[in-house]
Amino acid sequence: MSAAMVPTVRIQAGDFDVAAEIARLTQGRADIGAVVTFSGLCRDEQGTLSALELEHYPGMAEAEIGRIAAEAVQRWPLQGLTVIHRHGKITPGENIVLVVAASAHRQAAFEAADFLMDYLKSRAPFWKKEHRADGSEGGWVDAKETDANAARRWKPSE
């Protein structure tokens, strides 16, 4: 079942098509009863942001996201899991990240997608630099304590 399922993880500069990714994951499958997707988009921060630039170490980002995805597969009975994260300069309104979790039942798919996003926000090795609409230097975006706190809720209780 889930143990044999290998998640798909891609880090890419180009955009992705949410509907095509769902179709790729579910095509020809009759064992999937729920598909939950999360797509994260670049915001314009009330008109102050012209772009967000995401940098990563090739190989390291894929490996870490692969570890997070493998943990989700171990924790929930998933029939499929796709995680795509973009890098490079992304303008407001464009896609940044996609998580597609497929399971026989909705709860597992919802929880796995939620888990993935909490960990992607707090553990995935990406660095974000803001490019301001007025041309000024926006600087690097610091990690948020709220993201780290959200990820902590998935830790097993001791």
C-alpha atoms as a PDB file:
ATOM      1  CA  MET A   1       0.000   0.000   0.000  1.00  0.00           C
ATOM      2  CA  SER A   2       1.619   3.304   1.090  1.00  0.00           C
ATOM      3  CA  ALA A   3       5.022   1.786   1.808  1.00  0.00           C
ATOM      4  CA  ALA A   4       5.508   0.995  -1.898  1.00  0.00           C
ATOM      5  CA  MET A   5       4.188   4.368  -3.046  1.00  0.00           C
ATOM      6  CA  VAL A   6       6.993   6.717  -4.045  1.00  0.00           C
ATOM      7  CA  PRO A   7       6.145  10.415  -3.891  1.00  0.00           C
ATOM      8  CA  THR A   8       6.930  12.676  -6.829  1.00  0.00           C
ATOM      9  CA  VAL A   9       9.120  15.642  -5.881  1.00  0.00           C
ATOM     10  CA  ARG A  10      10.179  18.288  -8.379  1.00  0.00           C
ATOM     11  CA  ILE A  11      12.075  21.550  -7.981  1.00  0.00           C
ATOM     12  CA  GLN A  12      11.755  23.605 -11.130  1.00  0.00           C
ATOM     13  CA  ALA A  13      11.993  27.133 -12.483  1.00  0.00           C
ATOM     14  CA  GLY A  14       8.995  26.832 -14.785  1.00  0.00           C
ATOM     15  CA  ASP A  15       5.348  27.002 -13.877  1.00  0.00           C
ATOM     16  CA  PHE A  16       3.159  23.958 -13.340  1.00  0.00           C
ATOM     17  CA  ASP A  17      -0.415  23.124 -14.316  1.00  0.00           C
ATOM     18  CA  VAL A  18      -2.469  22.125 -11.260  1.00  0.00           C
ATOM     19  CA  ALA A  19      -5.121  20.240 -13.257  1.00  0.00           C
ATOM     20  CA  ALA A  20      -2.474  18.341 -15.245  1.00  0.00           C
ATOM     21  CA  GLU A  21      -0.693  17.316 -12.034  1.00  0.00           C
ATOM     22  CA  ILE A  22      -3.952  16.028 -10.518  1.00  0.00           C
ATOM     23  CA  ALA A  23      -4.712  14.108 -13.726  1.00  0.00           C
ATOM     24  CA  ARG A  24      -1.193  12.632 -13.782  1.00  0.00           C
ATOM     25  CA  LEU A  25      -1.592  11.390 -10.203  1.00  0.00           C
ATOM     26  CA  THR A  26      -5.108   9.970 -10.579  1.00  0.00           C
ATOM     27  CA  GLN A  27      -5.280   8.705 -14.173  1.00  0.00           C
ATOM     28  CA  GLY A  28      -6.462   5.115 -14.355  1.00  0.00           C
ATOM     29  CA  ARG A  29      -6.788   4.826 -10.567  1.00  0.00           C
ATOM     30  CA  ALA A  30      -9.981   3.499  -8.967  1.00  0.00           C
ATOM     31  CA  ASP A  31      -8.527   3.260  -5.437  1.00  0.00           C
ATOM     32  CA  ILE A  32      -8.428   7.038  -4.870  1.00  0.00           C
ATOM     33  CA  GLY A  33     -11.428   8.546  -3.108  1.00  0.00           C
ATOM     34  CA  ALA A  34      -9.981  11.938  -2.196  1.00  0.00           C
ATOM     35  CA  VAL A  35      -7.513  14.365  -3.726  1.00  0.00           C
ATOM     36  CA  VAL A  36      -6.454  17.408  -1.734  1.00  0.00           C
ATOM     37  CA  THR A  37      -4.384  20.111  -3.360  1.00  0.00           C
ATOM     38  CA  PHE A  38      -2.655  23.144  -1.988  1.00  0.00           C
ATOM     39  CA  SER A  39      -1.185  25.701  -4.340  1.00  0.00           C
ATOM     40  CA  GLY A  40       0.781  28.592  -2.936  1.00  0.00           C
ATOM     41  CA  LEU A  41       0.952  31.802  -4.959  1.00  0.00           C
ATOM     42  CA  CYS A  42       3.195  34.845  -4.811  1.00  0.00           C
ATOM     43  CA  ARG A  43       1.394  37.816  -3.205  1.00  0.00           C
ATOM     44  CA  ASP A  44       2.057  41.435  -4.090  1.00  0.00           C
ATOM     45  CA  GLU A  45       2.119  42.493  -0.403  1.00  0.00           C
ATOM     46  CA  GLN A  46      -0.377  45.341  -0.934  1.00  0.00           C
ATOM     47  CA  GLY A  47       1.329  46.437  -4.144  1.00  0.00           C
ATOM     48  CA  THR A  48       4.831  46.773  -2.670  1.00  0.00           C
ATOM     49  CA  LEU A  49       6.317  43.587  -4.185  1.00  0.00           C
ATOM     50  CA  SER A  50       7.277  43.211  -7.845  1.00  0.00           C
ATOM     51  CA  ALA A  51       8.771  39.708  -7.460  1.00  0.00           C
ATOM     52  CA  LEU A  52       9.951  37.116  -5.006  1.00  0.00           C
ATOM     53  CA  GLU A  53      13.223  35.393  -5.843  1.00  0.00           C
ATOM     54  CA  LEU A  54      13.663  31.886  -4.463  1.00  0.00           C
ATOM     55  CA  GLU A  55      17.119  30.364  -4.290  1.00  0.00           C
ATOM     56  CA  HIS A  56      18.040  26.807  -3.323  1.00  0.00           C
ATOM     57  CA  TYR A  57      20.914  24.365  -3.391  1.00  0.00           C
ATOM     58  CA  PRO A  58      20.153  21.879  -6.185  1.00  0.00           C
ATOM     59  CA  GLY A  59      20.110  18.378  -4.793  1.00  0.00           C
ATOM     60  CA  MET A  60      19.754  19.517  -1.186  1.00  0.00           C
ATOM     61  CA  ALA A  61      16.252  20.947  -1.643  1.00  0.00           C
ATOM     62  CA  GLU A  62      15.049  17.832  -3.497  1.00  0.00           C
ATOM     63  CA  ALA A  63      16.519  15.555  -0.827  1.00  0.00           C
ATOM     64  CA  GLU A  64      14.945  17.444   2.080  1.00  0.00           C
ATOM     65  CA  ILE A  65      11.539  17.694   0.428  1.00  0.00           C
ATOM     66  CA  GLY A  66      11.854  14.004  -0.464  1.00  0.00           C
ATOM     67  CA  ARG A  67      12.444  13.197   3.219  1.00  0.00           C
ATOM     68  CA  ILE A  68       9.403  15.241   4.251  1.00  0.00           C
ATOM     69  CA  ALA A  69       7.253  13.553   1.567  1.00  0.00           C
ATOM     70  CA  ALA A  70       8.501  10.088   2.603  1.00  0.00           C
ATOM     71  CA  GLU A  71       7.514  10.865   6.190  1.00  0.00           C
ATOM     72  CA  ALA A  72       3.998  11.804   5.024  1.00  0.00           C
ATOM     73  CA  VAL A  73       3.741   8.501   3.148  1.00  0.00           C
ATOM     74  CA  GLN A  74       4.698   6.647   6.326  1.00  0.00           C
ATOM     75  CA  ARG A  75       2.221   8.573   8.490  1.00  0.00           C
ATOM     76  CA  TRP A  76      -0.876   8.454   6.262  1.00  0.00           C
ATOM     77  CA  PRO A  77      -2.353   5.839   3.911  1.00  0.00           C
ATOM     78  CA  LEU A  78      -1.722   7.712   0.660  1.00  0.00           C
ATOM     79  CA  GLN A  79      -2.218   6.388  -2.854  1.00  0.00           C
ATOM     80  CA  GLY A  80      -0.252   9.254  -4.369  1.00  0.00           C
ATOM     81  CA  LEU A  81       1.698  12.368  -3.451  1.00  0.00           C
ATOM     82  CA  THR A  82       3.173  15.101  -5.623  1.00  0.00           C
ATOM     83  CA  VAL A  83       5.194  18.066  -4.355  1.00  0.00           C
ATOM     84  CA  ILE A  84       6.422  20.751  -6.749  1.00  0.00           C
ATOM     85  CA  HIS A  85       8.354  23.826  -5.615  1.00  0.00           C
ATOM     86  CA  ARG A  86       9.529  26.537  -7.971  1.00  0.00           C
ATOM     87  CA  HIS A  87      12.735  28.538  -7.791  1.00  0.00           C
ATOM     88  CA  GLY A  88      13.882  31.694  -9.524  1.00  0.00           C
ATOM     89  CA  LYS A  89      12.085  35.019  -9.854  1.00  0.00           C
ATOM     90  CA  ILE A  90       8.327  34.684  -9.356  1.00  0.00           C
ATOM     91  CA  THR A  91       5.951  37.580  -9.812  1.00  0.00           C
ATOM     92  CA  PRO A  92       2.720  38.225  -7.888  1.00  0.00           C
ATOM     93  CA  GLY A  93      -0.075  35.912  -8.943  1.00  0.00           C
ATOM     94  CA  GLU A  94       2.270  33.156 -10.117  1.00  0.00           C
ATOM     95  CA  ASN A  95       2.475  29.689  -8.594  1.00  0.00           C
ATOM     96  CA  ILE A  96       5.227  28.908  -6.085  1.00  0.00           C
ATOM     97  CA  VAL A  97       4.356  25.523  -4.606  1.00  0.00           C
ATOM     98  CA  LEU A  98       1.953  22.642  -5.192  1.00  0.00           C
ATOM     99  CA  VAL A  99       1.080  19.703  -2.963  1.00  0.00           C
ATOM    100  CA  VAL A 100      -1.294  17.020  -4.288  1.00  0.00           C
ATOM    101  CA  ALA A 101      -2.193  14.284  -1.786  1.00  0.00           C
ATOM    102  CA  ALA A 102      -4.379  11.347  -2.857  1.00  0.00           C
ATOM    103  CA  SER A 103      -5.914   8.785  -0.534  1.00  0.00           C
ATOM    104  CA  ALA A 104      -8.893   6.482  -0.249  1.00  0.00           C
ATOM    105  CA  HIS A 105     -10.412   8.895   2.295  1.00  0.00           C
ATOM    106  CA  ARG A 106     -10.354  12.672   2.675  1.00  0.00           C
ATOM    107  CA  GLN A 107      -8.959  12.953   6.204  1.00  0.00           C
ATOM    108  CA  ALA A 108      -5.639  11.319   5.304  1.00  0.00           C
ATOM    109  CA  ALA A 109      -5.306  13.492   2.191  1.00  0.00           C
ATOM    110  CA  PHE A 110      -6.109  16.706   4.093  1.00  0.00           C
ATOM    111  CA  GLU A 111      -3.740  15.903   6.956  1.00  0.00           C
ATOM    112  CA  ALA A 112      -0.892  14.853   4.674  1.00  0.00           C
ATOM    113  CA  ALA A 113      -1.188  18.048   2.602  1.00  0.00           C
ATOM    114  CA  ASP A 114      -1.335  20.179   5.764  1.00  0.00           C
ATOM    115  CA  PHE A 115       1.708  18.388   7.201  1.00  0.00           C
ATOM    116  CA  LEU A 116       3.661  18.854   3.958  1.00  0.00           C
ATOM    117  CA  MET A 117       2.987  22.580   3.833  1.00  0.00           C
ATOM    118  CA  ASP A 118       3.872  23.127   7.486  1.00  0.00           C
ATOM    119  CA  TYR A 119       7.187  21.374   6.973  1.00  0.00           C
ATOM    120  CA  LEU A 120       7.895  22.996   3.597  1.00  0.00           C
ATOM    121  CA  LYS A 121       7.446  26.432   5.184  1.00  0.00           C
ATOM    122  CA  SER A 122       9.756  25.608   8.097  1.00  0.00           C
ATOM    123  CA  ARG A 123      12.323  23.048   6.816  1.00  0.00           C
ATOM    124  CA  ALA A 124      12.686  23.224   3.037  1.00  0.00           C
ATOM    125  CA  PRO A 125      16.028  24.867   2.189  1.00  0.00           C
ATOM    126  CA  PHE A 126      14.865  27.843   0.135  1.00  0.00           C
ATOM    127  CA  TRP A 127      15.937  31.441   0.568  1.00  0.00           C
ATOM    128  CA  LYS A 128      13.552  34.214  -0.432  1.00  0.00           C
ATOM    129  CA  LYS A 129      14.542  37.681  -1.549  1.00  0.00           C
ATOM    130  CA  GLU A 130      11.979  40.405  -2.121  1.00  0.00           C
ATOM    131  CA  HIS A 131      12.124  42.722  -5.131  1.00  0.00           C
ATOM    132  CA  ARG A 132      10.168  45.898  -4.398  1.00  0.00           C
ATOM    133  CA  ALA A 133       7.793  47.548  -6.853  1.00  0.00           C
ATOM    134  CA  ASP A 134       9.477  50.929  -6.262  1.00  0.00           C
ATOM    135  CA  GLY A 135      12.880  49.486  -7.253  1.00  0.00           C
ATOM    136  CA  SER A 136      14.324  49.603  -3.733  1.00  0.00           C
ATOM    137  CA  GLU A 137      16.129  46.659  -2.178  1.00  0.00           C
ATOM    138  CA  GLY A 138      13.639  44.415  -0.412  1.00  0.00           C
ATOM    139  CA  GLY A 139      16.135  42.118   1.237  1.00  0.00           C
ATOM    140  CA  TRP A 140      15.971  38.507   2.329  1.00  0.00           C
ATOM    141  CA  VAL A 141      12.836  37.225   4.044  1.00  0.00           C
ATOM    142  CA  ASP A 142      13.401  35.863   7.546  1.00  0.00           C
ATOM    143  CA  ALA A 143      11.886  32.588   8.660  1.00  0.00           C
ATOM    144  CA  LYS A 144       8.708  33.074  10.665  1.00  0.00           C
ATOM    145  CA  GLU A 145       8.252  31.664  14.156  1.00  0.00           C
ATOM    146  CA  THR A 146       4.599  30.977  13.285  1.00  0.00           C
ATOM    147  CA  ASP A 147       5.738  28.536  10.572  1.00  0.00           C
ATOM    148  CA  ALA A 148       8.043  26.711  12.997  1.00  0.00           C
ATOM    149  CA  ASN A 149       5.231  26.546  15.575  1.00  0.00           C
ATOM    150  CA  ALA A 150       2.840  25.092  12.994  1.00  0.00           C
ATOM    151  CA  ALA A 151       5.322  22.326  12.160  1.00  0.00           C
ATOM    152  CA  ARG A 152       5.794  21.474  15.845  1.00  0.00           C
ATOM    153  CA  ARG A 153       2.202  20.282  16.143  1.00  0.00           C
ATOM    154  CA  TRP A 154       3.096  17.237  14.014  1.00  0.00           C
ATOM    155  CA  LYS A 155       5.789  16.024  16.402  1.00  0.00           C
ATOM    156  CA  PRO A 156       4.817  12.872  18.272  1.00  0.00           C
ATOM    157  CA  SER A 157       3.988  13.602  21.905  1.00  0.00           C
ATOM    158  CA  GLU A 158       6.601  12.317  24.330  1.00  0.00           C
END
